[in-house]
């Protein structure tokens, strides 16, 4: 079976089992390893990608249901040499420790900020309900997001 997808702005065709998860296709076939394979049950958020504008766990998305979907992975947000504003804010606030949750957090929050460029702290925390982090606690993550608004107002 052939399934057409747009991944990080590139047209792709997947020839394989339609039951394969998007996460499997991204990591195994396309070598896009930013989305992490952690729980396999959609519980941890480490595999979040943006599908047609909404953050979703790639481990729960059978690729056969994604014909013509637009998928953005963390690799598609910005070039490696230029982190996205959110990634830069994470670095400034020392958010990243082990790094397993980082891609999923960034994708979830990128989706939130596309929908709502000025979320309050409660909205940021609500968006992160599906993302687990064992290292940092969440306050620094929320602080990083809020700093983007402070930067915008200062300009």
N, C-alpha and C. Protein backbone atom coordinates (compact mmCIF):
# COMPACT_ATOMS: atom_id res chain seq x y z
N UNK A 1 0.85 -1.18 0.00
CA UNK A 1 0.00 0.00 0.00
C UNK A 1 0.90 1.24 0.00
N UNK A 2 0.52 2.25 -0.77
CA UNK A 2 1.25 3.52 -0.83
C UNK A 2 0.46 4.60 -0.11
N UNK A 3 1.14 5.32 0.76
CA UNK A 3 0.49 6.39 1.53
C UNK A 3 1.30 7.66 1.31
N UNK A 4 0.61 8.70 0.83
CA UNK A 4 1.25 10.00 0.60
C UNK A 4 1.17 10.83 1.87
N UNK A 5 2.30 11.43 2.22
CA UNK A 5 2.39 12.31 3.39
C UNK A 5 3.25 13.50 3.02
N UNK A 6 3.05 14.58 3.72
CA UNK A 6 3.98 15.71 3.62
C UNK A 6 4.66 15.80 4.98
N UNK A 7 5.96 15.55 5.00
CA UNK A 7 6.71 15.54 6.25
C UNK A 7 7.76 16.63 6.20
N UNK A 8 7.64 17.56 7.13
CA UNK A 8 8.55 18.71 7.19
C UNK A 8 8.62 19.44 5.85
N UNK A 9 7.45 19.55 5.21
CA UNK A 9 7.35 20.29 3.95
C UNK A 9 7.72 19.50 2.71
N UNK A 10 8.17 18.26 2.88
CA UNK A 10 8.56 17.42 1.74
C UNK A 10 7.50 16.38 1.46
N UNK A 11 7.14 16.21 0.19
CA UNK A 11 6.22 15.15 -0.19
C UNK A 11 6.94 13.81 -0.06
N UNK A 12 6.30 12.88 0.61
CA UNK A 12 6.87 11.54 0.81
C UNK A 12 5.80 10.51 0.48
N UNK A 13 6.23 9.34 0.07
CA UNK A 13 5.33 8.21 -0.14
C UNK A 13 5.87 7.05 0.68
N UNK A 14 5.01 6.49 1.51
CA UNK A 14 5.39 5.33 2.33
C UNK A 14 4.79 4.09 1.68
N UNK A 15 5.64 3.12 1.39
CA UNK A 15 5.21 1.83 0.84
C UNK A 15 5.43 0.80 1.94
N UNK A 16 4.38 0.46 2.62
CA UNK A 16 4.55 -0.50 3.70
C UNK A 16 3.24 -0.78 4.39
N UNK A 17 3.33 -1.36 5.54
CA UNK A 17 2.17 -1.77 6.31
C UNK A 17 1.44 -0.54 6.84
N UNK A 18 0.17 -0.36 6.48
CA UNK A 18 -0.58 0.81 6.95
C UNK A 18 -0.81 0.81 8.46
N UNK A 19 -0.56 -0.32 9.11
CA UNK A 19 -0.72 -0.39 10.57
C UNK A 19 0.52 0.11 11.31
N UNK A 20 1.63 0.29 10.59
CA UNK A 20 2.83 0.83 11.23
C UNK A 20 2.51 2.20 11.81
N UNK A 21 3.05 2.46 12.98
CA UNK A 21 2.82 3.77 13.58
C UNK A 21 3.64 4.83 12.84
N UNK A 22 3.15 6.04 12.89
CA UNK A 22 3.90 7.15 12.32
C UNK A 22 5.28 7.23 12.97
N UNK A 23 5.36 6.97 14.26
CA UNK A 23 6.65 7.00 14.96
C UNK A 23 7.62 5.99 14.34
N UNK A 24 7.16 4.79 14.07
CA UNK A 24 8.00 3.77 13.45
C UNK A 24 8.49 4.23 12.09
N UNK A 25 7.59 4.76 11.28
CA UNK A 25 7.95 5.22 9.94
C UNK A 25 8.96 6.36 10.02
N UNK A 26 8.73 7.30 10.91
CA UNK A 26 9.66 8.43 11.05
C UNK A 26 11.05 7.94 11.45
N UNK A 27 11.11 7.11 12.45
CA UNK A 27 12.42 6.70 13.00
C UNK A 27 13.10 5.64 12.12
N UNK A 28 12.37 4.59 11.76
CA UNK A 28 12.98 3.47 11.04
C UNK A 28 13.22 3.78 9.56
N UNK A 29 12.20 4.33 8.92
CA UNK A 29 12.27 4.49 7.47
C UNK A 29 12.83 5.83 7.02
N UNK A 30 12.50 6.89 7.74
CA UNK A 30 12.94 8.22 7.33
C UNK A 30 14.14 8.72 8.12
N UNK A 31 14.54 7.97 9.14
CA UNK A 31 15.69 8.35 9.98
C UNK A 31 15.52 9.71 10.64
N UNK A 32 14.28 10.06 10.93
CA UNK A 32 13.98 11.27 11.69
C UNK A 32 13.78 10.82 13.14
N UNK A 33 14.81 10.95 13.94
CA UNK A 33 14.82 10.35 15.27
C UNK A 33 14.54 11.34 16.40
N UNK A 34 14.08 12.54 16.05
CA UNK A 34 13.77 13.52 17.09
C UNK A 34 12.63 13.08 17.98
N UNK A 35 11.57 12.54 17.40
CA UNK A 35 10.46 12.00 18.18
C UNK A 35 10.96 10.73 18.86
N UNK A 36 10.82 10.66 20.17
CA UNK A 36 11.40 9.56 20.94
C UNK A 36 10.41 8.42 21.14
N UNK A 37 10.92 7.20 21.10
CA UNK A 37 10.12 6.00 21.33
C UNK A 37 10.30 5.61 22.79
N UNK A 38 9.37 6.04 23.62
CA UNK A 38 9.51 5.83 25.06
C UNK A 38 8.44 4.87 25.58
N UNK A 39 7.18 5.28 25.60
CA UNK A 39 6.16 4.43 26.23
C UNK A 39 5.38 3.59 25.21
N UNK A 40 5.25 4.06 23.98
CA UNK A 40 4.50 3.32 22.97
C UNK A 40 3.00 3.31 23.21
N UNK A 41 2.53 4.09 24.16
CA UNK A 41 1.11 4.10 24.51
C UNK A 41 0.49 5.48 24.48
N UNK A 42 1.23 6.48 24.04
CA UNK A 42 0.69 7.84 23.98
C UNK A 42 0.60 8.53 25.32
N UNK A 43 1.24 7.96 26.32
CA UNK A 43 1.12 8.48 27.68
C UNK A 43 2.17 9.54 28.02
N UNK A 44 3.37 9.40 27.45
CA UNK A 44 4.49 10.23 27.92
C UNK A 44 4.70 11.52 27.13
N UNK A 45 4.27 11.56 25.87
CA UNK A 45 4.43 12.77 25.05
C UNK A 45 5.78 12.93 24.39
N UNK A 46 6.70 11.98 24.57
CA UNK A 46 8.04 12.11 23.99
C UNK A 46 8.05 12.01 22.47
N UNK A 47 6.99 11.46 21.89
CA UNK A 47 6.95 11.27 20.44
C UNK A 47 6.03 12.27 19.74
N UNK A 48 5.69 13.35 20.40
CA UNK A 48 4.77 14.31 19.80
C UNK A 48 5.30 14.88 18.49
N UNK A 49 4.40 14.97 17.52
CA UNK A 49 4.64 15.66 16.26
C UNK A 49 3.42 16.55 16.02
N UNK A 50 3.52 17.41 15.05
CA UNK A 50 2.36 18.24 14.70
C UNK A 50 1.75 17.67 13.44
N UNK A 51 0.49 17.25 13.55
CA UNK A 51 -0.26 16.69 12.43
C UNK A 51 -1.36 17.68 12.06
N UNK A 52 -1.27 18.23 10.87
CA UNK A 52 -2.26 19.20 10.40
C UNK A 52 -2.55 20.27 11.45
N UNK A 53 -1.49 20.76 12.09
CA UNK A 53 -1.60 21.87 13.03
C UNK A 53 -1.82 21.51 14.48
N UNK A 54 -1.98 20.23 14.79
CA UNK A 54 -2.26 19.80 16.16
C UNK A 54 -1.20 18.82 16.64
N UNK A 55 -0.74 19.01 17.87
CA UNK A 55 0.24 18.08 18.44
C UNK A 55 -0.44 16.75 18.75
N UNK A 56 0.17 15.66 18.29
CA UNK A 56 -0.36 14.31 18.50
C UNK A 56 0.80 13.37 18.81
N UNK A 57 0.52 12.30 19.59
CA UNK A 57 1.57 11.30 19.83
C UNK A 57 1.72 10.41 18.59
N UNK A 58 2.90 10.42 18.00
CA UNK A 58 3.15 9.67 16.76
C UNK A 58 3.03 8.17 16.98
N UNK A 59 3.23 7.70 18.21
CA UNK A 59 3.16 6.26 18.47
C UNK A 59 1.74 5.72 18.33
N UNK A 60 0.75 6.59 18.42
CA UNK A 60 -0.65 6.16 18.34
C UNK A 60 -1.29 6.39 16.97
N UNK A 61 -0.55 6.92 16.03
CA UNK A 61 -1.11 7.28 14.72
C UNK A 61 -0.71 6.24 13.68
N UNK A 62 -1.61 5.31 13.31
CA UNK A 62 -1.29 4.38 12.22
C UNK A 62 -1.10 5.18 10.93
N UNK A 63 -0.01 4.91 10.25
CA UNK A 63 0.31 5.70 9.06
C UNK A 63 -0.77 5.56 7.98
N UNK A 64 -1.49 4.45 7.99
CA UNK A 64 -2.56 4.24 7.01
C UNK A 64 -3.70 5.22 7.13
N UNK A 65 -3.83 5.88 8.27
CA UNK A 65 -4.89 6.88 8.47
C UNK A 65 -4.42 8.29 8.13
N UNK A 66 -3.20 8.42 7.64
CA UNK A 66 -2.60 9.74 7.49
C UNK A 66 -2.41 10.17 6.04
N UNK A 67 -3.13 9.56 5.13
CA UNK A 67 -3.03 9.94 3.71
C UNK A 67 -3.18 11.45 3.56
N UNK A 68 -2.23 12.07 2.91
CA UNK A 68 -2.20 13.52 2.64
C UNK A 68 -2.07 14.39 3.89
N UNK A 69 -1.73 13.81 5.01
CA UNK A 69 -1.53 14.62 6.23
C UNK A 69 -0.25 15.43 6.12
N UNK A 70 -0.25 16.57 6.79
CA UNK A 70 0.96 17.39 6.90
C UNK A 70 1.53 17.17 8.30
N UNK A 71 2.74 16.63 8.33
CA UNK A 71 3.40 16.28 9.58
C UNK A 71 4.63 17.15 9.75
N UNK A 72 4.79 17.71 10.94
CA UNK A 72 6.02 18.43 11.26
C UNK A 72 6.65 17.75 12.47
N UNK A 73 7.92 17.42 12.33
CA UNK A 73 8.69 16.85 13.43
C UNK A 73 9.59 17.95 13.97
N UNK A 74 10.26 17.68 15.07
CA UNK A 74 11.16 18.70 15.62
C UNK A 74 12.26 19.05 14.62
N UNK A 75 12.65 18.09 13.78
CA UNK A 75 13.66 18.38 12.76
C UNK A 75 13.17 19.41 11.76
N UNK A 76 11.86 19.52 11.60
CA UNK A 76 11.29 20.44 10.62
C UNK A 76 11.02 21.84 11.15
N UNK A 77 11.25 22.08 12.44
CA UNK A 77 10.97 23.40 13.00
C UNK A 77 11.97 24.45 12.56
N UNK A 78 13.24 24.07 12.53
CA UNK A 78 14.29 25.03 12.17
C UNK A 78 15.56 24.26 11.87
N UNK A 79 16.50 24.90 11.17
CA UNK A 79 17.78 24.23 10.92
C UNK A 79 18.53 24.00 12.23
N UNK A 80 19.38 22.99 12.25
CA UNK A 80 20.14 22.69 13.46
C UNK A 80 20.96 23.87 13.94
N UNK A 81 21.44 24.67 13.01
CA UNK A 81 22.28 25.81 13.39
C UNK A 81 21.49 26.98 13.96
N UNK A 82 20.17 26.95 13.79
CA UNK A 82 19.32 28.05 14.26
C UNK A 82 18.12 27.50 15.01
N UNK A 83 18.20 27.37 16.31
CA UNK A 83 17.04 26.84 17.04
C UNK A 83 15.84 27.77 16.91
N UNK A 84 14.67 27.18 17.01
CA UNK A 84 13.45 28.00 16.99
C UNK A 84 13.46 28.88 18.24
N UNK A 85 12.66 29.95 18.26
CA UNK A 85 12.60 30.79 19.46
C UNK A 85 12.27 30.00 20.73
N UNK A 86 11.38 29.03 20.61
CA UNK A 86 11.03 28.21 21.77
C UNK A 86 12.22 27.36 22.22
N UNK A 87 12.91 26.75 21.28
CA UNK A 87 14.09 25.96 21.63
C UNK A 87 15.15 26.84 22.30
N UNK A 88 15.34 28.04 21.79
CA UNK A 88 16.31 28.97 22.38
C UNK A 88 15.88 29.36 23.80
N UNK A 89 14.58 29.56 24.01
CA UNK A 89 14.08 29.89 25.35
C UNK A 89 14.31 28.72 26.31
N UNK A 90 14.13 27.49 25.83
CA UNK A 90 14.42 26.32 26.66
C UNK A 90 15.88 26.34 27.10
N UNK A 91 16.77 26.67 26.17
CA UNK A 91 18.21 26.70 26.49
C UNK A 91 18.51 27.81 27.50
N UNK A 92 17.94 28.98 27.29
CA UNK A 92 18.19 30.11 28.21
C UNK A 92 17.72 29.80 29.63
N UNK A 93 16.67 29.03 29.76
CA UNK A 93 16.09 28.72 31.07
C UNK A 93 16.56 27.38 31.62
N UNK A 94 17.57 26.80 31.00
CA UNK A 94 18.13 25.52 31.46
C UNK A 94 17.05 24.46 31.66
N UNK A 95 16.17 24.35 30.68
CA UNK A 95 15.07 23.40 30.78
C UNK A 95 15.55 21.98 30.54
N UNK A 96 16.43 21.79 29.59
CA UNK A 96 16.79 20.44 29.15
C UNK A 96 17.82 19.82 30.09
N UNK A 97 17.51 18.61 30.55
CA UNK A 97 18.49 17.86 31.33
C UNK A 97 18.80 16.57 30.57
N UNK A 98 18.01 15.53 30.71
CA UNK A 98 18.34 14.29 30.00
C UNK A 98 17.97 14.38 28.52
N UNK A 99 16.97 15.17 28.18
CA UNK A 99 16.61 15.40 26.78
C UNK A 99 15.53 14.51 26.21
N UNK A 100 15.10 13.49 26.93
CA UNK A 100 14.09 12.59 26.37
C UNK A 100 12.75 13.28 26.12
N UNK A 101 12.36 14.18 26.98
CA UNK A 101 11.06 14.83 26.82
C UNK A 101 11.12 16.05 25.91
N UNK A 102 12.32 16.56 25.67
CA UNK A 102 12.51 17.83 24.98
C UNK A 102 11.77 17.92 23.64
N UNK A 103 11.94 16.96 22.71
CA UNK A 103 11.25 17.11 21.42
C UNK A 103 9.73 17.16 21.57
N UNK A 104 9.19 16.30 22.41
CA UNK A 104 7.74 16.28 22.60
C UNK A 104 7.21 17.56 23.22
N UNK A 105 7.94 18.07 24.21
CA UNK A 105 7.55 19.33 24.85
C UNK A 105 7.55 20.46 23.83
N UNK A 106 8.62 20.52 23.04
CA UNK A 106 8.73 21.59 22.04
C UNK A 106 7.59 21.50 21.03
N UNK A 107 7.27 20.30 20.58
CA UNK A 107 6.21 20.16 19.58
C UNK A 107 4.84 20.52 20.18
N UNK A 108 4.58 20.07 21.39
CA UNK A 108 3.32 20.41 22.05
C UNK A 108 3.19 21.92 22.21
N UNK A 109 4.24 22.55 22.67
CA UNK A 109 4.19 24.00 22.92
C UNK A 109 4.21 24.80 21.63
N UNK A 110 4.85 24.30 20.60
CA UNK A 110 4.81 24.96 19.29
C UNK A 110 3.38 24.98 18.77
N UNK A 111 2.68 23.86 18.93
CA UNK A 111 1.28 23.79 18.52
C UNK A 111 0.43 24.77 19.33
N UNK A 112 0.65 24.80 20.65
CA UNK A 112 -0.09 25.74 21.50
C UNK A 112 0.15 27.17 21.05
N UNK A 113 1.41 27.55 20.83
CA UNK A 113 1.74 28.93 20.49
C UNK A 113 1.23 29.32 19.10
N UNK A 114 1.08 28.35 18.22
CA UNK A 114 0.49 28.64 16.90
C UNK A 114 -0.99 28.97 17.05
N UNK A 115 -1.66 28.28 17.98
CA UNK A 115 -3.08 28.52 18.25
C UNK A 115 -3.29 29.76 19.10
N UNK A 116 -2.42 29.93 20.09
CA UNK A 116 -2.57 31.00 21.08
C UNK A 116 -1.19 31.60 21.36
N UNK A 117 -0.82 32.65 20.65
CA UNK A 117 0.53 33.22 20.81
C UNK A 117 0.81 33.82 22.19
N UNK A 118 -0.23 34.05 22.98
CA UNK A 118 -0.03 34.66 24.30
C UNK A 118 -0.73 33.87 25.40
N UNK A 119 -0.36 32.60 25.59
CA UNK A 119 -1.03 31.84 26.64
C UNK A 119 -0.60 32.32 28.02
N UNK A 120 -1.48 32.13 28.99
CA UNK A 120 -1.06 32.41 30.36
C UNK A 120 -0.46 31.12 30.95
N UNK A 121 0.04 31.21 32.16
CA UNK A 121 0.72 30.07 32.78
C UNK A 121 -0.20 28.85 32.89
N UNK A 122 -1.46 29.09 33.21
CA UNK A 122 -2.42 27.99 33.34
C UNK A 122 -2.62 27.27 32.01
N UNK A 123 -2.70 28.03 30.92
CA UNK A 123 -2.88 27.43 29.60
C UNK A 123 -1.64 26.64 29.17
N UNK A 124 -0.47 27.13 29.51
CA UNK A 124 0.76 26.39 29.19
C UNK A 124 0.77 25.08 29.96
N UNK A 125 0.45 25.13 31.24
CA UNK A 125 0.43 23.91 32.06
C UNK A 125 -0.61 22.93 31.54
N UNK A 126 -1.77 23.42 31.14
CA UNK A 126 -2.82 22.55 30.60
C UNK A 126 -2.36 21.87 29.31
N UNK A 127 -1.64 22.61 28.47
CA UNK A 127 -1.15 22.03 27.21
C UNK A 127 -0.16 20.90 27.47
N UNK A 128 0.56 20.98 28.57
CA UNK A 128 1.60 20.00 28.87
C UNK A 128 1.10 18.76 29.61
N UNK A 129 -0.20 18.64 29.78
CA UNK A 129 -0.76 17.51 30.52
C UNK A 129 -0.30 16.17 29.93
N UNK A 130 -0.15 16.09 28.62
CA UNK A 130 0.25 14.84 27.98
C UNK A 130 1.75 14.66 27.81
N UNK A 131 2.54 15.49 28.47
CA UNK A 131 4.01 15.41 28.36
C UNK A 131 4.61 15.21 29.74
N UNK A 132 5.37 14.14 29.89
CA UNK A 132 6.00 13.85 31.17
C UNK A 132 7.48 14.20 31.14
N UNK A 133 7.96 14.75 32.26
CA UNK A 133 9.37 15.05 32.44
C UNK A 133 9.75 14.61 33.84
N UNK A 134 10.78 13.78 33.95
CA UNK A 134 11.21 13.30 35.26
C UNK A 134 12.33 14.15 35.84
N UNK A 135 12.90 15.04 35.05
CA UNK A 135 14.13 15.73 35.48
C UNK A 135 13.91 17.14 36.02
N UNK A 136 13.18 17.95 35.29
CA UNK A 136 13.23 19.39 35.57
C UNK A 136 12.13 19.91 36.46
N UNK A 137 11.02 19.24 36.53
CA UNK A 137 9.85 19.90 37.07
C UNK A 137 9.35 20.78 35.94
N UNK A 138 8.23 21.37 36.08
CA UNK A 138 7.64 22.06 34.94
C UNK A 138 7.74 23.57 35.01
N UNK A 139 8.12 24.12 36.13
CA UNK A 139 8.13 25.58 36.26
C UNK A 139 9.09 26.25 35.29
N UNK A 140 10.27 25.66 35.11
CA UNK A 140 11.23 26.26 34.17
C UNK A 140 10.71 26.19 32.73
N UNK A 141 9.98 25.14 32.43
CA UNK A 141 9.38 25.02 31.09
C UNK A 141 8.37 26.14 30.89
N UNK A 142 7.50 26.32 31.87
CA UNK A 142 6.50 27.39 31.79
C UNK A 142 7.20 28.75 31.74
N UNK A 143 8.22 28.94 32.55
CA UNK A 143 8.97 30.20 32.54
C UNK A 143 9.56 30.48 31.15
N UNK A 144 10.06 29.45 30.50
CA UNK A 144 10.64 29.62 29.16
C UNK A 144 9.59 30.10 28.17
N UNK A 145 8.40 29.51 28.23
CA UNK A 145 7.32 29.93 27.33
C UNK A 145 6.91 31.37 27.63
N UNK A 146 6.77 31.68 28.90
CA UNK A 146 6.35 33.04 29.27
C UNK A 146 7.40 34.07 28.85
N UNK A 147 8.67 33.68 28.85
CA UNK A 147 9.73 34.62 28.46
C UNK A 147 9.61 35.03 26.99
N UNK A 148 9.02 34.19 26.18
CA UNK A 148 8.82 34.55 24.77
C UNK A 148 7.90 35.76 24.65
N UNK A 149 6.87 35.78 25.49
CA UNK A 149 5.95 36.93 25.48
C UNK A 149 6.64 38.18 26.01
N UNK A 150 7.45 38.01 27.05
CA UNK A 150 8.18 39.15 27.61
C UNK A 150 9.12 39.74 26.57
N UNK A 151 9.79 38.87 25.81
CA UNK A 151 10.69 39.34 24.75
C UNK A 151 9.91 40.11 23.69
N UNK A 152 8.76 39.57 23.32
CA UNK A 152 7.94 40.21 22.29
C UNK A 152 7.48 41.59 22.73
N UNK A 153 7.07 41.72 23.99
CA UNK A 153 6.60 43.01 24.50
C UNK A 153 7.74 44.01 24.63
N UNK A 154 8.95 43.52 24.87
CA UNK A 154 10.11 44.41 25.03
C UNK A 154 10.57 45.00 23.69
N UNK A 155 10.20 44.33 22.60
CA UNK A 155 10.67 44.80 21.28
C UNK A 155 9.81 45.90 20.72
